[in-house]
Amino acid sequence: MPTNRLRSRAWRVLSLVPLLLLAGCVKQRGGDDFWMLDPKGIISATQDHYLTLDVLVMLLIIVPTGIFIVWAMRHYRKDGGRGHYDGRWDHSNVLEAVVWGIPIVTVGILSYYSVKAIYAVNPYHPTVIARALRTTHARGPLDVDVISTDWQWVFVYPKQHIATVDRLVIPRGVPVRFRLTSATVVNDFYIPQLVGMIDVMPGMRVRQSLVASHIGTYEGFSADYSGAGFSWMDFKTRAVSSQAFGAWVAKVQAAPRHLTYATFNIVARPTINVHDRVAYFSQVQPGLFRQVVAETVAGKTYPTPMAMTENMTGYLRRQARRDAHNPD
């Protein structure tokens, strides 16, 4: 009896483990939303749709299989089981059809929906956005160039001649086309509620697209470890109305700072943005994105100061004092 009680208590404790694991899925920076399960854009909603389909199809196999295993263990148990043992049994056409047929059908269904999903959210030509444009007659796309540094995000709006650091603002319902590159190491551009992650690589250009369906502020961040400041390499994404976006652009166009390549080299120095400081620039140098790519291919680097990794606390204090003297 004591042994049975210990086993019962052990199972009760173990049953709480899944709850602890699920706690890791909760949004960490305020609020109680589940980012992955709360899409706010066309691309993210499509990804969520196909993810749900995949899970449901797999559950159609996992749940009946689990029930059958429990039934078989109980029915054919050594003591008290009601199953009949036939030592001459060696084949069953029904069992063969189930064992081979169900997996083949399942793989076929998953393959069909996987191909549909690939074309629907293809970063270079997402058909789901093209269909939405035909039905809603939305305005033409907004182009944004994205450059990752150590450890910040630079967003350049070529047609609006403005740029920001660690702040992305987009109009709701308007397709946004990104060109992305890295001035340093590989990063992952990821806004869970709006679009899936994509690698951002030095010396290369990749593309991504999204449409925000709801007004709001969403978390974006790097999903690929890239060094000392990785934990703070995030940015706020604000989806606003078209009128609010126009007003915001006009405000940034009046910013005193200009973003030339020389200024970019200062911005691209290894920086840990622990206080979520945002920088705004007007009059962006034409062709800045292409120049960053070309210089990276030619071997341009931004070395990390040794003091940053040897004594991060002291380095951040010095960085804070420097930022206090140069607020912009």
C-alpha atoms as a PDB file:
ATOM      1  CA  MET A   1       0.000   0.000   0.000  1.00  0.00           C
ATOM      2  CA  PRO A   2       2.722   2.602   0.808  1.00  0.00           C
ATOM      3  CA  THR A   3       4.279   1.908  -2.605  1.00  0.00           C
ATOM      4  CA  ASN A   4       0.975   2.516  -4.376  1.00  0.00           C
ATOM      5  CA  ARG A   5       0.481   5.784  -2.497  1.00  0.00           C
ATOM      6  CA  LEU A   6       3.952   6.981  -3.476  1.00  0.00           C
ATOM      7  CA  ARG A   7       3.244   6.138  -7.106  1.00  0.00           C
ATOM      8  CA  SER A   8      -0.064   8.004  -6.972  1.00  0.00           C
ATOM      9  CA  ARG A   9       1.594  11.106  -5.528  1.00  0.00           C
ATOM     10  CA  ALA A  10       4.377  10.922  -8.108  1.00  0.00           C
ATOM     11  CA  TRP A  11       1.871  10.851 -10.960  1.00  0.00           C
ATOM     12  CA  ARG A  12       0.022  13.839  -9.492  1.00  0.00           C
ATOM     13  CA  VAL A  13       3.253  15.838  -9.363  1.00  0.00           C
ATOM     14  CA  LEU A  14       4.240  14.812 -12.886  1.00  0.00           C
ATOM     15  CA  SER A  15       0.828  15.864 -14.188  1.00  0.00           C
ATOM     16  CA  LEU A  16       1.736  19.472 -13.330  1.00  0.00           C
ATOM     17  CA  VAL A  17       4.845  19.441 -15.545  1.00  0.00           C
ATOM     18  CA  PRO A  18       2.917  20.202 -18.796  1.00  0.00           C
ATOM     19  CA  LEU A  19       1.437  23.290 -17.122  1.00  0.00           C
ATOM     20  CA  LEU A  20       4.930  24.535 -16.297  1.00  0.00           C
ATOM     21  CA  LEU A  21       6.014  23.965 -19.896  1.00  0.00           C
ATOM     22  CA  LEU A  22       2.992  25.848 -21.229  1.00  0.00           C
ATOM     23  CA  ALA A  23       3.923  28.807 -19.030  1.00  0.00           C
ATOM     24  CA  GLY A  24       6.845  29.408 -21.379  1.00  0.00           C
ATOM     25  CA  CYS A  25       4.397  30.218 -24.176  1.00  0.00           C
ATOM     26  CA  VAL A  26       3.030  33.290 -22.400  1.00  0.00           C
ATOM     27  CA  LYS A  27       3.928  36.729 -23.669  1.00  0.00           C
ATOM     28  CA  GLN A  28       6.828  38.052 -21.609  1.00  0.00           C
ATOM     29  CA  ARG A  29       6.817  41.816 -22.154  1.00  0.00           C
ATOM     30  CA  GLY A  30       3.497  42.794 -20.606  1.00  0.00           C
ATOM     31  CA  GLY A  31       0.012  41.555 -21.332  1.00  0.00           C
ATOM     32  CA  ASP A  32      -1.147  37.978 -21.327  1.00  0.00           C
ATOM     33  CA  ASP A  33      -1.545  37.238 -25.020  1.00  0.00           C
ATOM     34  CA  PHE A  34      -0.124  34.228 -26.799  1.00  0.00           C
ATOM     35  CA  TRP A  35       1.754  35.778 -29.710  1.00  0.00           C
ATOM     36  CA  MET A  36       1.813  32.647 -31.837  1.00  0.00           C
ATOM     37  CA  LEU A  37      -1.927  32.078 -31.443  1.00  0.00           C
ATOM     38  CA  ASP A  38      -3.074  35.682 -31.839  1.00  0.00           C
ATOM     39  CA  PRO A  39      -2.454  36.670 -35.489  1.00  0.00           C
ATOM     40  CA  LYS A  40      -3.107  40.286 -36.477  1.00  0.00           C
ATOM     41  CA  GLY A  41      -2.055  40.161 -40.120  1.00  0.00           C
ATOM     42  CA  ILE A  42      -2.943  38.339 -43.336  1.00  0.00           C
ATOM     43  CA  ILE A  43       0.302  36.350 -43.473  1.00  0.00           C
ATOM     44  CA  SER A  44       0.256  35.359 -39.797  1.00  0.00           C
ATOM     45  CA  ALA A  45      -3.439  34.403 -39.990  1.00  0.00           C
ATOM     46  CA  THR A  46      -2.708  32.183 -42.997  1.00  0.00           C
ATOM     47  CA  GLN A  47       0.187  30.525 -41.185  1.00  0.00           C
ATOM     48  CA  ASP A  48      -2.024  29.988 -38.144  1.00  0.00           C
ATOM     49  CA  HIS A  49      -4.715  28.459 -40.370  1.00  0.00           C
ATOM     50  CA  TYR A  50      -2.372  25.881 -41.892  1.00  0.00           C
ATOM     51  CA  LEU A  51      -0.746  25.158 -38.531  1.00  0.00           C
ATOM     52  CA  THR A  52      -4.188  24.386 -37.112  1.00  0.00           C
ATOM     53  CA  LEU A  53      -4.954  22.085 -40.054  1.00  0.00           C
ATOM     54  CA  ASP A  54      -1.692  20.196 -39.546  1.00  0.00           C
ATOM     55  CA  VAL A  55      -2.374  19.758 -35.835  1.00  0.00           C
ATOM     56  CA  LEU A  56      -5.935  18.544 -36.436  1.00  0.00           C
ATOM     57  CA  VAL A  57      -4.829  16.023 -39.066  1.00  0.00           C
ATOM     58  CA  MET A  58      -2.160  14.666 -36.734  1.00  0.00           C
ATOM     59  CA  LEU A  59      -4.637  14.494 -33.851  1.00  0.00           C
ATOM     60  CA  LEU A  60      -6.871  12.296 -36.020  1.00  0.00           C
ATOM     61  CA  ILE A  61      -4.048   9.758 -35.823  1.00  0.00           C
ATOM     62  CA  ILE A  62      -2.623  10.383 -32.372  1.00  0.00           C
ATOM     63  CA  VAL A  63      -5.896  10.366 -30.408  1.00  0.00           C
ATOM     64  CA  PRO A  64      -7.381   7.117 -31.852  1.00  0.00           C
ATOM     65  CA  THR A  65      -3.955   5.447 -31.615  1.00  0.00           C
ATOM     66  CA  GLY A  66      -3.630   6.425 -27.961  1.00  0.00           C
ATOM     67  CA  ILE A  67      -7.138   5.175 -27.195  1.00  0.00           C
ATOM     68  CA  PHE A  68      -6.459   1.896 -29.021  1.00  0.00           C
ATOM     69  CA  ILE A  69      -3.200   1.355 -27.092  1.00  0.00           C
ATOM     70  CA  VAL A  70      -4.955   1.845 -23.755  1.00  0.00           C
ATOM     71  CA  TRP A  71      -7.782  -0.481 -24.845  1.00  0.00           C
ATOM     72  CA  ALA A  72      -5.342  -3.165 -26.032  1.00  0.00           C
ATOM     73  CA  MET A  73      -3.294  -3.001 -22.828  1.00  0.00           C
ATOM     74  CA  ARG A  74      -6.439  -3.406 -20.752  1.00  0.00           C
ATOM     75  CA  HIS A  75      -8.103  -5.985 -22.977  1.00  0.00           C
ATOM     76  CA  TYR A  76      -5.040  -8.230 -23.326  1.00  0.00           C
ATOM     77  CA  ARG A  77      -3.496  -7.780 -19.885  1.00  0.00           C
ATOM     78  CA  LYS A  78      -2.121 -10.877 -18.216  1.00  0.00           C
ATOM     79  CA  ASP A  79      -4.387 -10.849 -15.177  1.00  0.00           C
ATOM     80  CA  GLY A  80      -8.067 -10.383 -15.862  1.00  0.00           C
ATOM     81  CA  GLY A  81      -7.863  -9.633 -19.564  1.00  0.00           C
ATOM     82  CA  ARG A  82     -10.650 -10.790 -21.865  1.00  0.00           C
ATOM     83  CA  GLY A  83      -8.653 -11.050 -25.065  1.00  0.00           C
ATOM     84  CA  HIS A  84      -8.175 -14.400 -26.786  1.00  0.00           C
ATOM     85  CA  TYR A  85      -4.672 -15.484 -27.788  1.00  0.00           C
ATOM     86  CA  ASP A  86      -4.406 -17.275 -31.139  1.00  0.00           C
ATOM     87  CA  GLY A  87      -0.941 -18.733 -31.622  1.00  0.00           C
ATOM     88  CA  ARG A  88      -1.636 -19.499 -35.316  1.00  0.00           C
ATOM     89  CA  TRP A  89      -2.517 -15.908 -36.327  1.00  0.00           C
ATOM     90  CA  ASP A  90      -0.057 -14.390 -38.830  1.00  0.00           C
ATOM     91  CA  HIS A  91      -1.901 -11.978 -41.156  1.00  0.00           C
ATOM     92  CA  SER A  92      -4.865  -9.594 -41.439  1.00  0.00           C
ATOM     93  CA  ASN A  93      -5.822  -7.716 -44.588  1.00  0.00           C
ATOM     94  CA  VAL A  94      -7.800  -5.192 -42.555  1.00  0.00           C
ATOM     95  CA  LEU A  95      -4.845  -4.497 -40.266  1.00  0.00           C
ATOM     96  CA  GLU A  96      -2.472  -4.125 -43.234  1.00  0.00           C
ATOM     97  CA  ALA A  97      -4.853  -1.663 -44.887  1.00  0.00           C
ATOM     98  CA  VAL A  98      -5.062   0.396 -41.700  1.00  0.00           C
ATOM     99  CA  VAL A  99      -1.306   0.324 -40.974  1.00  0.00           C
ATOM    100  CA  TRP A 100      -0.319   1.356 -44.523  1.00  0.00           C
ATOM    101  CA  GLY A 101      -3.379   3.167 -45.819  1.00  0.00           C
ATOM    102  CA  ILE A 102      -3.890   5.736 -43.056  1.00  0.00           C
ATOM    103  CA  PRO A 103      -0.249   6.983 -43.071  1.00  0.00           C
ATOM    104  CA  ILE A 104      -0.233   7.266 -46.871  1.00  0.00           C
ATOM    105  CA  VAL A 105      -3.481   9.243 -46.881  1.00  0.00           C
ATOM    106  CA  THR A 106      -2.226  11.419 -44.022  1.00  0.00           C
ATOM    107  CA  VAL A 107       1.055  12.226 -45.777  1.00  0.00           C
ATOM    108  CA  GLY A 108      -0.885  13.051 -48.940  1.00  0.00           C
ATOM    109  CA  ILE A 109      -3.206  15.445 -47.091  1.00  0.00           C
ATOM    110  CA  LEU A 110      -0.314  17.141 -45.261  1.00  0.00           C
ATOM    111  CA  SER A 111       1.661  17.445 -48.503  1.00  0.00           C
ATOM    112  CA  TYR A 112      -1.275  19.065 -50.288  1.00  0.00           C
ATOM    113  CA  TYR A 113      -1.773  21.692 -47.601  1.00  0.00           C
ATOM    114  CA  SER A 114       1.986  22.232 -47.230  1.00  0.00           C
ATOM    115  CA  VAL A 115       2.311  23.120 -50.912  1.00  0.00           C
ATOM    116  CA  LYS A 116      -0.672  25.462 -50.673  1.00  0.00           C
ATOM    117  CA  ALA A 117       0.852  27.145 -47.614  1.00  0.00           C
ATOM    118  CA  ILE A 118       4.250  27.570 -49.285  1.00  0.00           C
ATOM    119  CA  TYR A 119       2.735  29.484 -52.197  1.00  0.00           C
ATOM    120  CA  ALA A 120       0.312  31.407 -49.986  1.00  0.00           C
ATOM    121  CA  VAL A 121       3.017  32.935 -47.753  1.00  0.00           C
ATOM    122  CA  ASN A 122       6.004  32.842 -50.124  1.00  0.00           C
ATOM    123  CA  PRO A 123       8.073  35.892 -49.026  1.00  0.00           C
ATOM    124  CA  TYR A 124       8.831  36.912 -52.612  1.00  0.00           C
ATOM    125  CA  HIS A 125       5.286  36.604 -53.944  1.00  0.00           C
ATOM    126  CA  PRO A 126       2.654  35.748 -51.317  1.00  0.00           C
ATOM    127  CA  THR A 127      -0.501  34.776 -53.193  1.00  0.00           C
ATOM    128  CA  VAL A 128      -2.641  35.405 -50.100  1.00  0.00           C
ATOM    129  CA  ILE A 129      -1.721  39.117 -50.250  1.00  0.00           C
ATOM    130  CA  ALA A 130      -2.327  39.264 -54.007  1.00  0.00           C
ATOM    131  CA  ARG A 131      -5.824  37.831 -53.493  1.00  0.00           C
ATOM    132  CA  ALA A 132      -6.508  40.311 -50.696  1.00  0.00           C
ATOM    133  CA  LEU A 133      -5.474  43.205 -52.941  1.00  0.00           C
ATOM    134  CA  ARG A 134      -7.892  42.102 -55.653  1.00  0.00           C
ATOM    135  CA  THR A 135     -10.806  41.927 -53.231  1.00  0.00           C
ATOM    136  CA  THR A 136     -10.119  45.010 -51.094  1.00  0.00           C
ATOM    137  CA  HIS A 137      -8.567  47.337 -53.695  1.00  0.00           C
ATOM    138  CA  ALA A 138      -5.995  48.477 -51.145  1.00  0.00           C
ATOM    139  CA  ARG A 139      -3.434  51.135 -51.957  1.00  0.00           C
ATOM    140  CA  GLY A 140      -0.093  50.275 -53.520  1.00  0.00           C
ATOM    141  CA  PRO A 141       2.565  48.645 -51.359  1.00  0.00           C
ATOM    142  CA  LEU A 142       4.818  50.439 -48.888  1.00  0.00           C
ATOM    143  CA  ASP A 143       8.516  49.686 -49.405  1.00  0.00           C
ATOM    144  CA  VAL A 144      10.771  49.401 -46.351  1.00  0.00           C
ATOM    145  CA  ASP A 145      14.478  48.524 -46.322  1.00  0.00           C
ATOM    146  CA  VAL A 146      15.598  46.676 -43.192  1.00  0.00           C
ATOM    147  CA  ILE A 147      19.231  46.562 -42.058  1.00  0.00           C
ATOM    148  CA  SER A 148      20.229  44.608 -38.964  1.00  0.00           C
ATOM    149  CA  THR A 149      23.291  45.642 -36.967  1.00  0.00           C
ATOM    150  CA  ASP A 150      24.775  44.616 -33.624  1.00  0.00           C
ATOM    151  CA  TRP A 151      22.181  44.869 -31.974  1.00  0.00           C
ATOM    152  CA  GLN A 152      19.655  47.196 -33.522  1.00  0.00           C
ATOM    153  CA  TRP A 153      17.266  47.367 -36.457  1.00  0.00           C
ATOM    154  CA  VAL A 154      17.451  50.192 -38.999  1.00  0.00           C
ATOM    155  CA  PHE A 155      14.284  50.789 -41.052  1.00  0.00           C
ATOM    156  CA  VAL A 156      14.586  52.929 -44.183  1.00  0.00           C
ATOM    157  CA  TYR A 157      11.506  54.197 -46.035  1.00  0.00           C
ATOM    158  CA  PRO A 158      12.989  55.003 -49.493  1.00  0.00           C
ATOM    159  CA  LYS A 159       9.966  56.761 -51.009  1.00  0.00           C
ATOM    160  CA  GLN A 160       9.313  58.799 -47.870  1.00  0.00           C
ATOM    161  CA  HIS A 161      13.057  59.631 -47.465  1.00  0.00           C
ATOM    162  CA  ILE A 162      13.036  58.808 -43.748  1.00  0.00           C
ATOM    163  CA  ALA A 163      14.580  56.189 -41.467  1.00  0.00           C
ATOM    164  CA  THR A 164      14.152  54.934 -37.913  1.00  0.00           C
ATOM    165  CA  VAL A 165      16.108  52.789 -35.483  1.00  0.00           C
ATOM    166  CA  ASP A 166      14.219  50.139 -33.493  1.00  0.00           C
ATOM    167  CA  ARG A 167      10.780  51.424 -34.490  1.00  0.00           C
ATOM    168  CA  LEU A 168       8.636  50.211 -37.396  1.00  0.00           C
ATOM    169  CA  VAL A 169       5.428  52.080 -38.247  1.00  0.00           C
ATOM    170  CA  ILE A 170       3.117  50.819 -41.000  1.00  0.00           C
ATOM    171  CA  PRO A 171      -0.406  51.647 -42.199  1.00  0.00           C
ATOM    172  CA  ARG A 172      -3.136  49.107 -41.517  1.00  0.00           C
ATOM    173  CA  GLY A 173      -4.446  47.247 -44.557  1.00  0.00           C
ATOM    174  CA  VAL A 174      -1.576  48.291 -46.839  1.00  0.00           C
ATOM    175  CA  PRO A 175       0.879  45.656 -48.139  1.00  0.00           C
ATOM    176  CA  VAL A 176       4.409  46.224 -46.852  1.00  0.00           C
ATOM    177  CA  ARG A 177       7.332  44.941 -48.928  1.00  0.00           C
ATOM    178  CA  PHE A 178      10.626  44.498 -47.097  1.00  0.00           C
ATOM    179  CA  ARG A 179      14.138  44.260 -48.479  1.00  0.00           C
ATOM    180  CA  LEU A 180      16.367  42.908 -45.748  1.00  0.00           C
ATOM    181  CA  THR A 181      20.099  42.600 -45.209  1.00  0.00           C
ATOM    182  CA  SER A 182      22.572  42.483 -42.348  1.00  0.00           C
ATOM    183  CA  ALA A 183      25.605  44.688 -41.818  1.00  0.00           C
ATOM    184  CA  THR A 184      27.117  42.166 -39.406  1.00  0.00           C
ATOM    185  CA  VAL A 185      26.008  38.590 -38.720  1.00  0.00           C
ATOM    186  CA  VAL A 186      22.973  36.459 -39.538  1.00  0.00           C
ATOM    187  CA  ASN A 187      19.777  37.462 -37.742  1.00  0.00           C
ATOM    188  CA  ASP A 188      16.137  36.425 -37.966  1.00  0.00           C
ATOM    189  CA  PHE A 189      13.504  39.090 -38.622  1.00  0.00           C
ATOM    190  CA  TYR A 190      10.358  38.053 -36.779  1.00  0.00           C
ATOM    191  CA  ILE A 191       7.061  39.733 -35.863  1.00  0.00           C
ATOM    192  CA  PRO A 192       4.989  36.783 -34.551  1.00  0.00           C
ATOM    193  CA  GLN A 193       1.582  38.460 -34.793  1.00  0.00           C
ATOM    194  CA  LEU A 194       2.179  39.807 -38.303  1.00  0.00           C
ATOM    195  CA  VAL A 195       4.650  37.624 -40.216  1.00  0.00           C
ATOM    196  CA  GLY A 196       6.862  34.567 -39.786  1.00  0.00           C
ATOM    197  CA  MET A 197      10.612  34.660 -39.311  1.00  0.00           C
ATOM    198  CA  ILE A 198      13.114  34.941 -42.140  1.00  0.00           C
ATOM    199  CA  ASP A 199      16.916  34.890 -42.114  1.00  0.00           C
ATOM    200  CA  VAL A 200      18.646  38.247 -42.617  1.00  0.00           C
ATOM    201  CA  MET A 201      22.153  37.591 -43.924  1.00  0.00           C
ATOM    202  CA  PRO A 202      25.212  39.816 -44.436  1.00  0.00           C
ATOM    203  CA  GLY A 203      25.996  40.712 -48.024  1.00  0.00           C
ATOM    204  CA  MET A 204      22.692  39.293 -49.254  1.00  0.00           C
ATOM    205  CA  ARG A 205      19.231  40.655 -49.995  1.00  0.00           C
ATOM    206  CA  VAL A 206      16.104  38.790 -48.948  1.00  0.00           C
ATOM    207  CA  ARG A 207      12.466  39.807 -49.126  1.00  0.00           C
ATOM    208  CA  GLN A 208       9.455  39.576 -46.871  1.00  0.00           C
ATOM    209  CA  SER A 209       5.887  40.880 -47.060  1.00  0.00           C
ATOM    210  CA  LEU A 210       3.032  41.509 -44.663  1.00  0.00           C
ATOM    211  CA  VAL A 211      -0.318  43.221 -44.259  1.00  0.00           C
ATOM    212  CA  ALA A 212      -1.485  44.304 -40.809  1.00  0.00           C
ATOM    213  CA  SER A 213      -5.208  43.671 -40.379  1.00  0.00           C
ATOM    214  CA  HIS A 214      -5.627  45.455 -37.046  1.00  0.00           C
ATOM    215  CA  ILE A 215      -4.395  48.678 -35.511  1.00  0.00           C
ATOM    216  CA  GLY A 216      -2.058  48.006 -32.595  1.00  0.00           C
ATOM    217  CA  THR A 217       1.496  47.681 -31.334  1.00  0.00           C
ATOM    218  CA  TYR A 218       3.281  44.380 -31.875  1.00  0.00           C
ATOM    219  CA  GLU A 219       6.611  42.966 -30.769  1.00  0.00           C
ATOM    220  CA  GLY A 220       9.321  42.319 -33.328  1.00  0.00           C
ATOM    221  CA  PHE A 221      12.703  40.844 -32.556  1.00  0.00           C
ATOM    222  CA  SER A 222      15.667  38.831 -33.724  1.00  0.00           C
ATOM    223  CA  ALA A 223      15.093  35.097 -33.396  1.00  0.00           C
ATOM    224  CA  ASP A 224      18.704  34.079 -34.069  1.00  0.00           C
ATOM    225  CA  TYR A 225      21.378  34.419 -31.379  1.00  0.00           C
ATOM    226  CA  SER A 226      23.890  37.049 -32.484  1.00  0.00           C
ATOM    227  CA  GLY A 227      26.025  37.966 -29.499  1.00  0.00           C
ATOM    228  CA  ALA A 228      26.084  39.981 -26.292  1.00  0.00           C
ATOM    229  CA  GLY A 229      23.143  42.285 -27.050  1.00  0.00           C
ATOM    230  CA  PHE A 230      20.836  39.681 -28.552  1.00  0.00           C
ATOM    231  CA  SER A 231      18.381  39.770 -25.631  1.00  0.00           C
ATOM    232  CA  TRP A 232      17.678  43.463 -26.306  1.00  0.00           C
ATOM    233  CA  MET A 233      17.540  43.230 -30.106  1.00  0.00           C
ATOM    234  CA  ASP A 234      13.838  43.938 -30.427  1.00  0.00           C
ATOM    235  CA  PHE A 235      11.617  46.660 -31.820  1.00  0.00           C
ATOM    236  CA  LYS A 236       8.039  47.868 -31.585  1.00  0.00           C
ATOM    237  CA  THR A 237       5.860  47.575 -34.682  1.00  0.00           C
ATOM    238  CA  ARG A 238       2.960  50.016 -34.773  1.00  0.00           C
ATOM    239  CA  ALA A 239       0.102  49.464 -37.204  1.00  0.00           C
ATOM    240  CA  VAL A 240      -1.827  52.721 -37.566  1.00  0.00           C
ATOM    241  CA  SER A 241      -4.489  54.221 -39.813  1.00  0.00           C
ATOM    242  CA  SER A 242      -3.454  55.695 -43.163  1.00  0.00           C
ATOM    243  CA  GLN A 243      -4.092  59.211 -41.848  1.00  0.00           C
ATOM    244  CA  ALA A 244      -1.988  58.590 -38.739  1.00  0.00           C
ATOM    245  CA  PHE A 245       0.773  57.107 -40.869  1.00  0.00           C
ATOM    246  CA  GLY A 246       0.849  60.202 -43.082  1.00  0.00           C
ATOM    247  CA  ALA A 247       1.073  62.440 -40.017  1.00  0.00           C
ATOM    248  CA  TRP A 248       3.868  60.309 -38.575  1.00  0.00           C
ATOM    249  CA  VAL A 249       5.846  60.470 -41.824  1.00  0.00           C
ATOM    250  CA  ALA A 250       5.516  64.261 -41.899  1.00  0.00           C
ATOM    251  CA  LYS A 251       6.769  64.442 -38.308  1.00  0.00           C
ATOM    252  CA  VAL A 252       9.804  62.262 -39.025  1.00  0.00           C
ATOM    253  CA  GLN A 253      10.569  64.239 -42.195  1.00  0.00           C
ATOM    254  CA  ALA A 254      11.065  67.245 -39.921  1.00  0.00           C
ATOM    255  CA  ALA A 255      13.675  65.440 -37.792  1.00  0.00           C
ATOM    256  CA  PRO A 256      17.000  67.310 -37.635  1.00  0.00           C
ATOM    257  CA  ARG A 257      19.252  64.304 -38.214  1.00  0.00           C
ATOM    258  CA  HIS A 258      20.088  62.957 -41.679  1.00  0.00           C
ATOM    259  CA  LEU A 259      21.100  59.374 -42.377  1.00  0.00           C
ATOM    260  CA  THR A 260      24.191  59.308 -44.569  1.00  0.00           C
ATOM    261  CA  TYR A 261      26.484  56.315 -44.892  1.00  0.00           C
ATOM    262  CA  ALA A 262      28.881  57.983 -42.449  1.00  0.00           C
ATOM    263  CA  THR A 263      26.055  58.343 -39.931  1.00  0.00           C
ATOM    264  CA  PHE A 264      25.033  54.739 -40.534  1.00  0.00           C
ATOM    265  CA  ASN A 265      28.551  53.602 -39.629  1.00  0.00           C
ATOM    266  CA  ILE A 266      28.073  55.269 -36.240  1.00  0.00           C
ATOM    267  CA  VAL A 267      24.620  53.715 -35.768  1.00  0.00           C
ATOM    268  CA  ALA A 268      25.973  50.293 -36.772  1.00  0.00           C
ATOM    269  CA  ARG A 269      28.596  50.202 -34.041  1.00  0.00           C
ATOM    270  CA  PRO A 270      27.829  47.440 -31.510  1.00  0.00           C
ATOM    271  CA  THR A 271      25.123  48.921 -29.270  1.00  0.00           C
ATOM    272  CA  ILE A 272      23.008  47.275 -26.579  1.00  0.00           C
ATOM    273  CA  ASN A 273      19.748  49.216 -26.547  1.00  0.00           C
ATOM    274  CA  VAL A 274      18.605  48.306 -23.037  1.00  0.00           C
ATOM    275  CA  HIS A 275      16.367  51.377 -22.689  1.00  0.00           C
ATOM    276  CA  ASP A 276      14.481  50.951 -26.005  1.00  0.00           C
ATOM    277  CA  ARG A 277      15.776  54.244 -27.361  1.00  0.00           C
ATOM    278  CA  VAL A 278      14.392  55.164 -30.781  1.00  0.00           C
ATOM    279  CA  ALA A 279      16.170  57.330 -33.354  1.00  0.00           C
ATOM    280  CA  TYR A 280      14.568  59.163 -36.291  1.00  0.00           C
ATOM    281  CA  PHE A 281      16.255  60.440 -39.454  1.00  0.00           C
ATOM    282  CA  SER A 282      15.153  62.569 -42.378  1.00  0.00           C
ATOM    283  CA  GLN A 283      16.892  62.951 -45.741  1.00  0.00           C
ATOM    284  CA  VAL A 284      18.237  59.418 -46.113  1.00  0.00           C
ATOM    285  CA  GLN A 285      21.170  59.076 -48.482  1.00  0.00           C
ATOM    286  CA  PRO A 286      19.953  57.592 -51.811  1.00  0.00           C
ATOM    287  CA  GLY A 287      21.160  54.048 -52.384  1.00  0.00           C
ATOM    288  CA  LEU A 288      22.093  53.520 -48.730  1.00  0.00           C
ATOM    289  CA  PHE A 289      20.772  49.953 -48.692  1.00  0.00           C
ATOM    290  CA  ARG A 290      22.801  48.976 -51.779  1.00  0.00           C
ATOM    291  CA  GLN A 291      25.930  50.592 -50.342  1.00  0.00           C
ATOM    292  CA  VAL A 292      25.591  48.676 -47.070  1.00  0.00           C
ATOM    293  CA  VAL A 293      25.295  45.412 -49.015  1.00  0.00           C
ATOM    294  CA  ALA A 294      28.281  46.266 -51.224  1.00  0.00           C
ATOM    295  CA  GLU A 295      30.486  47.303 -48.301  1.00  0.00           C
ATOM    296  CA  THR A 296      29.591  44.141 -46.388  1.00  0.00           C
ATOM    297  CA  VAL A 297      30.508  42.003 -49.389  1.00  0.00           C
ATOM    298  CA  ALA A 298      33.809  43.919 -49.587  1.00  0.00           C
ATOM    299  CA  GLY A 299      34.592  42.941 -45.984  1.00  0.00           C
ATOM    300  CA  LYS A 300      33.297  45.838 -43.903  1.00  0.00           C
ATOM    301  CA  THR A 301      32.971  44.846 -40.225  1.00  0.00           C
ATOM    302  CA  TYR A 302      32.013  46.454 -36.925  1.00  0.00           C
ATOM    303  CA  PRO A 303      34.186  44.796 -34.235  1.00  0.00           C
ATOM    304  CA  THR A 304      32.700  44.290 -30.789  1.00  0.00           C
ATOM    305  CA  PRO A 305      34.742  46.085 -28.082  1.00  0.00           C
ATOM    306  CA  MET A 306      36.415  43.626 -25.743  1.00  0.00           C
ATOM    307  CA  ALA A 307      35.112  45.591 -22.754  1.00  0.00           C
ATOM    308  CA  MET A 308      31.538  44.861 -23.816  1.00  0.00           C
ATOM    309  CA  THR A 309      31.916  41.148 -23.177  1.00  0.00           C
ATOM    310  CA  GLU A 310      34.448  41.331 -20.335  1.00  0.00           C
ATOM    311  CA  ASN A 311      32.410  43.745 -18.201  1.00  0.00           C
ATOM    312  CA  MET A 312      28.984  44.290 -19.716  1.00  0.00           C
ATOM    313  CA  THR A 313      27.599  46.173 -16.702  1.00  0.00           C
ATOM    314  CA  GLY A 314      30.425  48.700 -16.721  1.00  0.00           C
ATOM    315  CA  TYR A 315      30.212  49.086 -20.483  1.00  0.00           C
ATOM    316  CA  LEU A 316      26.474  49.738 -20.347  1.00  0.00           C
ATOM    317  CA  ARG A 317      27.008  52.415 -17.713  1.00  0.00           C
ATOM    318  CA  ARG A 318      29.522  54.180 -19.944  1.00  0.00           C
ATOM    319  CA  GLN A 319      27.151  53.797 -22.896  1.00  0.00           C
ATOM    320  CA  ALA A 320      24.326  55.352 -20.835  1.00  0.00           C
ATOM    321  CA  ARG A 321      26.510  58.341 -19.959  1.00  0.00           C
ATOM    322  CA  ARG A 322      27.455  58.756 -23.606  1.00  0.00           C
ATOM    323  CA  ASP A 323      23.806  58.590 -24.675  1.00  0.00           C
ATOM    324  CA  ALA A 324      22.888  61.170 -22.024  1.00  0.00           C
ATOM    325  CA  HIS A 325      25.272  63.641 -23.651  1.00  0.00           C
ATOM    326  CA  ASN A 326      23.969  62.715 -27.124  1.00  0.00           C
ATOM    327  CA  PRO A 327      20.215  62.139 -26.671  1.00  0.00           C
ATOM    328  CA  ASP A 328      19.589  61.787 -30.388  1.00  0.00           C
END
